[in-house]
């Protein structure tokens, strides 16, 4: 699979969101990563569904919606997502993850399942038939600006080997959290294929976004 760059919209200029999206288009970004936080699953609140739907209407870049919420099934129908978009829920936030993933797939949306740093990769075992993407959190979710956790490289490598052992080498691994160029290169070598880029790699003050994106691609 081609290595993909997913821009964390949470790090963009939200007061000028349409301008920010146009800059991301110019930079050749593959996906727009939209964090939804409920103040319960994580101690923060971010992008709402009206904003997500507005962004969906202003660009052809597929959306990569990351639901850091409890009981995410109740929110699926609030978003106007399509066949090229990803909708990722957290294993830890949904005791009925299989049912929710099935609902996402039934709506024709690509389904993803995220794991927090401490959650073991074998949680994917009985859910791979419902997955289009596996998201490995490389920080504890909820805030930008954290350092990558010590076991990130090992966990990504273990996830790739585990998915392959289940006969699903086609499921790409996304990594999210302090994905700097150095960390991105490290994780790319052990199986990461989708990279969520924020303040450590793409949204850098006084640096052209297209240049930052091209520099990051060059190290993968």
C-alpha atoms as a PDB file:
ATOM      1  CA  UNK A   1       0.000   0.000   0.000  1.00  0.00           C
ATOM      2  CA  UNK A   2       1.118   3.551  -0.730  1.00  0.00           C
ATOM      3  CA  UNK A   3       2.180   5.443   2.392  1.00  0.00           C
ATOM      4  CA  UNK A   4      -0.480   8.071   3.188  1.00  0.00           C
ATOM      5  CA  UNK A   5      -0.318  11.410   4.998  1.00  0.00           C
ATOM      6  CA  UNK A   6      -3.323  12.282   7.174  1.00  0.00           C
ATOM      7  CA  UNK A   7      -3.328  15.908   8.330  1.00  0.00           C
ATOM      8  CA  UNK A   8      -4.607  16.548  11.862  1.00  0.00           C
ATOM      9  CA  UNK A   9      -7.176  19.292  11.320  1.00  0.00           C
ATOM     10  CA  UNK A  10      -7.203  19.963  15.069  1.00  0.00           C
ATOM     11  CA  UNK A  11      -3.814  21.624  14.514  1.00  0.00           C
ATOM     12  CA  UNK A  12      -4.993  23.833  11.630  1.00  0.00           C
ATOM     13  CA  UNK A  13      -6.276  27.412  11.804  1.00  0.00           C
ATOM     14  CA  UNK A  14      -9.876  26.626  12.761  1.00  0.00           C
ATOM     15  CA  UNK A  15     -10.931  30.269  12.405  1.00  0.00           C
ATOM     16  CA  UNK A  16      -9.983  30.037   8.721  1.00  0.00           C
ATOM     17  CA  UNK A  17     -10.824  26.412   8.099  1.00  0.00           C
ATOM     18  CA  UNK A  18     -11.603  26.709   4.383  1.00  0.00           C
ATOM     19  CA  UNK A  19      -8.256  28.422   3.767  1.00  0.00           C
ATOM     20  CA  UNK A  20      -6.523  25.711   5.801  1.00  0.00           C
ATOM     21  CA  UNK A  21      -8.186  22.945   3.784  1.00  0.00           C
ATOM     22  CA  UNK A  22      -7.120  24.601   0.524  1.00  0.00           C
ATOM     23  CA  UNK A  23      -3.542  24.738   1.806  1.00  0.00           C
ATOM     24  CA  UNK A  24      -3.721  21.033   2.641  1.00  0.00           C
ATOM     25  CA  UNK A  25      -5.010  20.297  -0.857  1.00  0.00           C
ATOM     26  CA  UNK A  26      -2.079  22.241  -2.318  1.00  0.00           C
ATOM     27  CA  UNK A  27       0.284  20.266  -0.099  1.00  0.00           C
ATOM     28  CA  UNK A  28      -0.976  16.996  -1.595  1.00  0.00           C
ATOM     29  CA  UNK A  29      -2.310  15.597   1.685  1.00  0.00           C
ATOM     30  CA  UNK A  30      -4.038  12.216   1.271  1.00  0.00           C
ATOM     31  CA  UNK A  31      -6.500  12.314   4.203  1.00  0.00           C
ATOM     32  CA  UNK A  32      -7.929  14.852   6.640  1.00  0.00           C
ATOM     33  CA  UNK A  33      -7.739  13.521  10.195  1.00  0.00           C
ATOM     34  CA  UNK A  34     -10.672  14.826  12.244  1.00  0.00           C
ATOM     35  CA  UNK A  35     -10.589  14.215  15.989  1.00  0.00           C
ATOM     36  CA  UNK A  36     -13.920  13.943  17.786  1.00  0.00           C
ATOM     37  CA  UNK A  37     -13.557  14.137  21.583  1.00  0.00           C
ATOM     38  CA  UNK A  38     -16.428  14.031  24.063  1.00  0.00           C
ATOM     39  CA  UNK A  39     -14.855  15.244  27.317  1.00  0.00           C
ATOM     40  CA  UNK A  40     -15.526  11.794  28.796  1.00  0.00           C
ATOM     41  CA  UNK A  41     -13.408   9.225  26.958  1.00  0.00           C
ATOM     42  CA  UNK A  42     -10.677  11.881  26.893  1.00  0.00           C
ATOM     43  CA  UNK A  43     -10.531  15.086  28.988  1.00  0.00           C
ATOM     44  CA  UNK A  44     -11.005  17.383  26.015  1.00  0.00           C
ATOM     45  CA  UNK A  45     -13.698  18.403  23.525  1.00  0.00           C
ATOM     46  CA  UNK A  46     -12.914  19.099  19.874  1.00  0.00           C
ATOM     47  CA  UNK A  47     -14.535  19.031  16.438  1.00  0.00           C
ATOM     48  CA  UNK A  48     -18.303  18.666  16.213  1.00  0.00           C
ATOM     49  CA  UNK A  49     -20.364  17.014  13.521  1.00  0.00           C
ATOM     50  CA  UNK A  50     -21.494  20.254  11.851  1.00  0.00           C
ATOM     51  CA  UNK A  51     -17.831  21.116  11.334  1.00  0.00           C
ATOM     52  CA  UNK A  52     -17.068  17.652   9.970  1.00  0.00           C
ATOM     53  CA  UNK A  53     -19.948  17.834   7.511  1.00  0.00           C
ATOM     54  CA  UNK A  54     -18.925  21.340   6.446  1.00  0.00           C
ATOM     55  CA  UNK A  55     -15.372  20.166   5.748  1.00  0.00           C
ATOM     56  CA  UNK A  56     -16.733  17.173   3.842  1.00  0.00           C
ATOM     57  CA  UNK A  57     -18.605  19.595   1.602  1.00  0.00           C
ATOM     58  CA  UNK A  58     -15.588  21.777   0.805  1.00  0.00           C
ATOM     59  CA  UNK A  59     -13.009  19.236  -0.360  1.00  0.00           C
ATOM     60  CA  UNK A  60     -12.483  16.007  -2.262  1.00  0.00           C
ATOM     61  CA  UNK A  61      -9.805  14.851   0.184  1.00  0.00           C
ATOM     62  CA  UNK A  62     -11.201  11.780   2.002  1.00  0.00           C
ATOM     63  CA  UNK A  63     -11.893  12.208   5.699  1.00  0.00           C
ATOM     64  CA  UNK A  64     -10.232  10.179   8.442  1.00  0.00           C
ATOM     65  CA  UNK A  65     -12.559  10.608  11.425  1.00  0.00           C
ATOM     66  CA  UNK A  66     -11.145   9.485  14.773  1.00  0.00           C
ATOM     67  CA  UNK A  67     -13.846   8.990  17.416  1.00  0.00           C
ATOM     68  CA  UNK A  68     -12.290   9.436  20.860  1.00  0.00           C
ATOM     69  CA  UNK A  69     -15.676   9.015  22.505  1.00  0.00           C
ATOM     70  CA  UNK A  70     -17.667   6.574  24.598  1.00  0.00           C
ATOM     71  CA  UNK A  71     -20.488   4.635  22.861  1.00  0.00           C
ATOM     72  CA  UNK A  72     -19.631   5.959  19.359  1.00  0.00           C
ATOM     73  CA  UNK A  73     -22.497   4.121  17.627  1.00  0.00           C
ATOM     74  CA  UNK A  74     -24.924   6.878  18.628  1.00  0.00           C
ATOM     75  CA  UNK A  75     -23.001   9.418  16.511  1.00  0.00           C
ATOM     76  CA  UNK A  76     -22.456   7.553  13.238  1.00  0.00           C
ATOM     77  CA  UNK A  77     -25.596   8.826  11.512  1.00  0.00           C
ATOM     78  CA  UNK A  78     -24.696  12.448  12.319  1.00  0.00           C
ATOM     79  CA  UNK A  79     -21.866  12.444   9.763  1.00  0.00           C
ATOM     80  CA  UNK A  80     -22.152  12.588   5.979  1.00  0.00           C
ATOM     81  CA  UNK A  81     -19.351  10.157   5.226  1.00  0.00           C
ATOM     82  CA  UNK A  82     -18.851   8.092   2.089  1.00  0.00           C
ATOM     83  CA  UNK A  83     -17.013   5.107   0.664  1.00  0.00           C
ATOM     84  CA  UNK A  84     -13.613   6.812   0.550  1.00  0.00           C
ATOM     85  CA  UNK A  85     -13.767   8.033   4.158  1.00  0.00           C
ATOM     86  CA  UNK A  86     -12.531   6.283   7.292  1.00  0.00           C
ATOM     87  CA  UNK A  87     -14.459   6.221  10.569  1.00  0.00           C
ATOM     88  CA  UNK A  88     -12.369   4.908  13.442  1.00  0.00           C
ATOM     89  CA  UNK A  89     -13.678   4.017  16.900  1.00  0.00           C
ATOM     90  CA  UNK A  90     -11.742   3.084  20.028  1.00  0.00           C
ATOM     91  CA  UNK A  91     -11.746  -0.465  21.345  1.00  0.00           C
ATOM     92  CA  UNK A  92     -11.690   0.927  24.883  1.00  0.00           C
ATOM     93  CA  UNK A  93     -14.733   3.152  24.347  1.00  0.00           C
ATOM     94  CA  UNK A  94     -17.209   0.607  23.010  1.00  0.00           C
ATOM     95  CA  UNK A  95     -18.180  -2.651  24.707  1.00  0.00           C
ATOM     96  CA  UNK A  96     -20.038  -3.562  21.498  1.00  0.00           C
ATOM     97  CA  UNK A  97     -17.207  -2.745  19.079  1.00  0.00           C
ATOM     98  CA  UNK A  98     -18.169  -5.516  16.655  1.00  0.00           C
ATOM     99  CA  UNK A  99     -21.717  -4.205  16.313  1.00  0.00           C
ATOM    100  CA  UNK A 100     -20.521  -0.641  15.802  1.00  0.00           C
ATOM    101  CA  UNK A 101     -17.915  -1.635  13.213  1.00  0.00           C
ATOM    102  CA  UNK A 102     -20.573  -3.638  11.359  1.00  0.00           C
ATOM    103  CA  UNK A 103     -22.840  -0.571  11.319  1.00  0.00           C
ATOM    104  CA  UNK A 104     -20.054   1.561   9.868  1.00  0.00           C
ATOM    105  CA  UNK A 105     -19.400  -1.032   7.163  1.00  0.00           C
ATOM    106  CA  UNK A 106     -23.111  -1.356   6.393  1.00  0.00           C
ATOM    107  CA  UNK A 107     -23.205   2.380   5.667  1.00  0.00           C
ATOM    108  CA  UNK A 108     -20.461   1.922   3.083  1.00  0.00           C
ATOM    109  CA  UNK A 109     -17.791   3.697   5.162  1.00  0.00           C
ATOM    110  CA  UNK A 110     -14.305   2.308   5.811  1.00  0.00           C
ATOM    111  CA  UNK A 111     -14.070   1.112   9.420  1.00  0.00           C
ATOM    112  CA  UNK A 112     -11.101   1.525  11.730  1.00  0.00           C
ATOM    113  CA  UNK A 113     -10.344   0.400  15.266  1.00  0.00           C
ATOM    114  CA  UNK A 114      -7.955   2.337  17.508  1.00  0.00           C
ATOM    115  CA  UNK A 115      -5.948   0.983  20.435  1.00  0.00           C
ATOM    116  CA  UNK A 116      -4.492   3.082  23.250  1.00  0.00           C
ATOM    117  CA  UNK A 117      -0.805   2.539  24.149  1.00  0.00           C
ATOM    118  CA  UNK A 118      -1.554   0.034  26.925  1.00  0.00           C
ATOM    119  CA  UNK A 119      -4.167  -1.995  24.988  1.00  0.00           C
ATOM    120  CA  UNK A 120      -2.816  -5.329  23.644  1.00  0.00           C
ATOM    121  CA  UNK A 121      -2.829  -5.958  19.904  1.00  0.00           C
ATOM    122  CA  UNK A 122      -4.679  -9.271  20.256  1.00  0.00           C
ATOM    123  CA  UNK A 123      -7.856  -7.212  20.692  1.00  0.00           C
ATOM    124  CA  UNK A 124      -7.935  -7.164  16.891  1.00  0.00           C
ATOM    125  CA  UNK A 125      -8.202 -10.954  16.664  1.00  0.00           C
ATOM    126  CA  UNK A 126     -11.960 -11.463  16.346  1.00  0.00           C
ATOM    127  CA  UNK A 127     -12.668  -8.157  14.609  1.00  0.00           C
ATOM    128  CA  UNK A 128     -10.454  -8.241  11.519  1.00  0.00           C
ATOM    129  CA  UNK A 129     -13.360  -9.140   9.235  1.00  0.00           C
ATOM    130  CA  UNK A 130     -14.869  -5.733  10.012  1.00  0.00           C
ATOM    131  CA  UNK A 131     -11.697  -3.649   9.610  1.00  0.00           C
ATOM    132  CA  UNK A 132     -10.279  -1.489   6.856  1.00  0.00           C
ATOM    133  CA  UNK A 133      -7.652   0.116   9.078  1.00  0.00           C
ATOM    134  CA  UNK A 134      -5.915  -0.403  12.438  1.00  0.00           C
ATOM    135  CA  UNK A 135      -4.979   2.734  14.372  1.00  0.00           C
ATOM    136  CA  UNK A 136      -2.163   2.498  16.897  1.00  0.00           C
ATOM    137  CA  UNK A 137      -2.064   5.447  19.275  1.00  0.00           C
ATOM    138  CA  UNK A 138       1.552   6.394  19.882  1.00  0.00           C
ATOM    139  CA  UNK A 139       0.557   8.764  22.705  1.00  0.00           C
ATOM    140  CA  UNK A 140      -2.252   8.599  25.232  1.00  0.00           C
ATOM    141  CA  UNK A 141      -5.123  10.263  23.334  1.00  0.00           C
ATOM    142  CA  UNK A 142      -6.639  13.642  24.079  1.00  0.00           C
ATOM    143  CA  UNK A 143      -3.987  16.320  23.597  1.00  0.00           C
ATOM    144  CA  UNK A 144      -1.443  17.422  21.007  1.00  0.00           C
ATOM    145  CA  UNK A 145       2.195  18.003  21.922  1.00  0.00           C
ATOM    146  CA  UNK A 146       2.924  14.792  23.844  1.00  0.00           C
ATOM    147  CA  UNK A 147       6.043  12.642  23.460  1.00  0.00           C
ATOM    148  CA  UNK A 148       5.766   9.290  21.705  1.00  0.00           C
ATOM    149  CA  UNK A 149       5.427   6.401  24.171  1.00  0.00           C
ATOM    150  CA  UNK A 150       8.438   4.162  24.714  1.00  0.00           C
ATOM    151  CA  UNK A 151       6.962   0.970  23.253  1.00  0.00           C
ATOM    152  CA  UNK A 152       5.520   2.476  20.061  1.00  0.00           C
ATOM    153  CA  UNK A 153       7.967   0.878  17.628  1.00  0.00           C
ATOM    154  CA  UNK A 154       7.556  -2.570  19.165  1.00  0.00           C
ATOM    155  CA  UNK A 155       3.769  -2.270  19.215  1.00  0.00           C
ATOM    156  CA  UNK A 156       3.507  -1.263  15.550  1.00  0.00           C
ATOM    157  CA  UNK A 157       5.802  -4.137  14.564  1.00  0.00           C
ATOM    158  CA  UNK A 158       3.780  -6.567  16.675  1.00  0.00           C
ATOM    159  CA  UNK A 159       0.514  -5.291  15.170  1.00  0.00           C
ATOM    160  CA  UNK A 160       1.789  -5.791  11.623  1.00  0.00           C
ATOM    161  CA  UNK A 161       2.947  -9.320  12.402  1.00  0.00           C
ATOM    162  CA  UNK A 162      -0.316 -10.141  14.181  1.00  0.00           C
ATOM    163  CA  UNK A 163      -2.569  -8.873  11.386  1.00  0.00           C
ATOM    164  CA  UNK A 164      -0.453 -10.750   8.848  1.00  0.00           C
ATOM    165  CA  UNK A 165      -0.780 -13.937  10.913  1.00  0.00           C
ATOM    166  CA  UNK A 166      -4.564 -13.548  10.759  1.00  0.00           C
ATOM    167  CA  UNK A 167      -4.416 -13.411   6.972  1.00  0.00           C
ATOM    168  CA  UNK A 168      -4.985  -9.657   6.748  1.00  0.00           C
ATOM    169  CA  UNK A 169      -1.818  -8.075   5.349  1.00  0.00           C
ATOM    170  CA  UNK A 170      -4.154  -5.698   3.486  1.00  0.00           C
ATOM    171  CA  UNK A 171      -5.221  -3.861   6.665  1.00  0.00           C
ATOM    172  CA  UNK A 172      -3.056  -0.726   6.872  1.00  0.00           C
ATOM    173  CA  UNK A 173      -1.695   0.509  10.194  1.00  0.00           C
ATOM    174  CA  UNK A 174      -2.216   4.164  11.022  1.00  0.00           C
ATOM    175  CA  UNK A 175      -0.080   5.859  13.683  1.00  0.00           C
ATOM    176  CA  UNK A 176      -1.176   8.934  15.628  1.00  0.00           C
ATOM    177  CA  UNK A 177       0.738  10.939  18.220  1.00  0.00           C
ATOM    178  CA  UNK A 178       4.017  12.871  17.934  1.00  0.00           C
ATOM    179  CA  UNK A 179       4.636  11.637  14.392  1.00  0.00           C
ATOM    180  CA  UNK A 180       7.716  13.748  13.739  1.00  0.00           C
ATOM    181  CA  UNK A 181       9.859  12.974  10.679  1.00  0.00           C
ATOM    182  CA  UNK A 182      12.213  10.897  12.835  1.00  0.00           C
ATOM    183  CA  UNK A 183       9.387   8.978  14.494  1.00  0.00           C
ATOM    184  CA  UNK A 184       7.579   8.567  11.185  1.00  0.00           C
ATOM    185  CA  UNK A 185      10.663   7.053   9.555  1.00  0.00           C
ATOM    186  CA  UNK A 186      11.117   4.678  12.487  1.00  0.00           C
ATOM    187  CA  UNK A 187       7.494   3.497  12.428  1.00  0.00           C
ATOM    188  CA  UNK A 188       7.382   3.240   8.639  1.00  0.00           C
ATOM    189  CA  UNK A 189      10.199   0.682   8.748  1.00  0.00           C
ATOM    190  CA  UNK A 190       8.194  -1.613  11.048  1.00  0.00           C
ATOM    191  CA  UNK A 191       4.877  -1.484   9.194  1.00  0.00           C
ATOM    192  CA  UNK A 192       3.085   1.857   9.597  1.00  0.00           C
ATOM    193  CA  UNK A 193       1.389   3.031   6.390  1.00  0.00           C
ATOM    194  CA  UNK A 194      -0.817   5.999   7.375  1.00  0.00           C
ATOM    195  CA  UNK A 195       0.725   8.865   9.336  1.00  0.00           C
ATOM    196  CA  UNK A 196      -1.267  11.458  11.282  1.00  0.00           C
ATOM    197  CA  UNK A 197       0.697  14.689  10.999  1.00  0.00           C
ATOM    198  CA  UNK A 198       0.339  17.577  13.414  1.00  0.00           C
ATOM    199  CA  UNK A 199       2.535  20.230  14.984  1.00  0.00           C
ATOM    200  CA  UNK A 200       5.709  18.109  14.959  1.00  0.00           C
ATOM    201  CA  UNK A 201       5.742  17.569  11.193  1.00  0.00           C
ATOM    202  CA  UNK A 202       3.193  19.523   9.121  1.00  0.00           C
ATOM    203  CA  UNK A 203       1.720  22.536  10.927  1.00  0.00           C
ATOM    204  CA  UNK A 204       5.037  24.247  11.588  1.00  0.00           C
ATOM    205  CA  UNK A 205       5.160  28.000  12.132  1.00  0.00           C
ATOM    206  CA  UNK A 206       6.784  29.965   9.291  1.00  0.00           C
ATOM    207  CA  UNK A 207       7.262  26.840   7.152  1.00  0.00           C
ATOM    208  CA  UNK A 208       5.410  26.116   3.935  1.00  0.00           C
ATOM    209  CA  UNK A 209       2.988  23.219   4.389  1.00  0.00           C
ATOM    210  CA  UNK A 210       3.676  21.742   0.963  1.00  0.00           C
ATOM    211  CA  UNK A 211       7.392  21.723   1.701  1.00  0.00           C
ATOM    212  CA  UNK A 212       6.781  20.042   5.065  1.00  0.00           C
ATOM    213  CA  UNK A 213       4.609  17.345   3.467  1.00  0.00           C
ATOM    214  CA  UNK A 214       7.154  16.658   0.720  1.00  0.00           C
ATOM    215  CA  UNK A 215       9.963  16.458   3.272  1.00  0.00           C
ATOM    216  CA  UNK A 216       7.987  13.938   5.318  1.00  0.00           C
ATOM    217  CA  UNK A 217       7.197  11.755   2.302  1.00  0.00           C
ATOM    218  CA  UNK A 218      10.877  11.676   1.418  1.00  0.00           C
ATOM    219  CA  UNK A 219      11.789   9.895   4.664  1.00  0.00           C
ATOM    220  CA  UNK A 220       9.194   7.110   4.379  1.00  0.00           C
END
